[in-house]
Amino acid sequence: MDMTNHFFKLEFEVRDYECDMEGIVNNAVYMQYLEHARHTYLKHKGFDFAVLTKSGINLVVIRSEVDYLYPLRSGDNFFITASLERISKIRFGLVQDIFRLSDNKPILKAKIFGTSLNAEGQPKYFKELEGLFS
């Protein structure tokens, strides 16, 4: 996996309670990791979900593509990378990858598709979001 396309990186450690009976991270937990990394990435870019929502701008996930490549186990340290691409005026894609920290082993590949909605839940272009793509 080529990490040169990603400029955002966030580190985590697997906690015991995130693992299933097999001793590996439950697949639903990866979605929580990805969401936390997305929110942190957007804050890094100067956008806060709470502030956006109060101003009537809602960013929502409309589709997720996830490839589980290798399991993480309790105590594993890992990192998530993120990059953003514009798909259309109101749609965007977040490319997110998870790697085990000790050896950069690819764990998961994801592409999360999102859109912007107004306060009434209708898709809408917001000029205020242009900074996301610079």
Foldseek 3Di string as FASTA:
>chain_A
DDCPVFDDKDKDAAAQVQDDPVQWGDPVVVVVVVVVSVQVVVVVLVDHQVVCVVVFKHKDWDDKDKDFDATDGHGFMKMKTWDKDDPDQFKIKIWIWIAGPVPRHTGMTMITMIGIAGNVRHGDGDPVCPSNHD
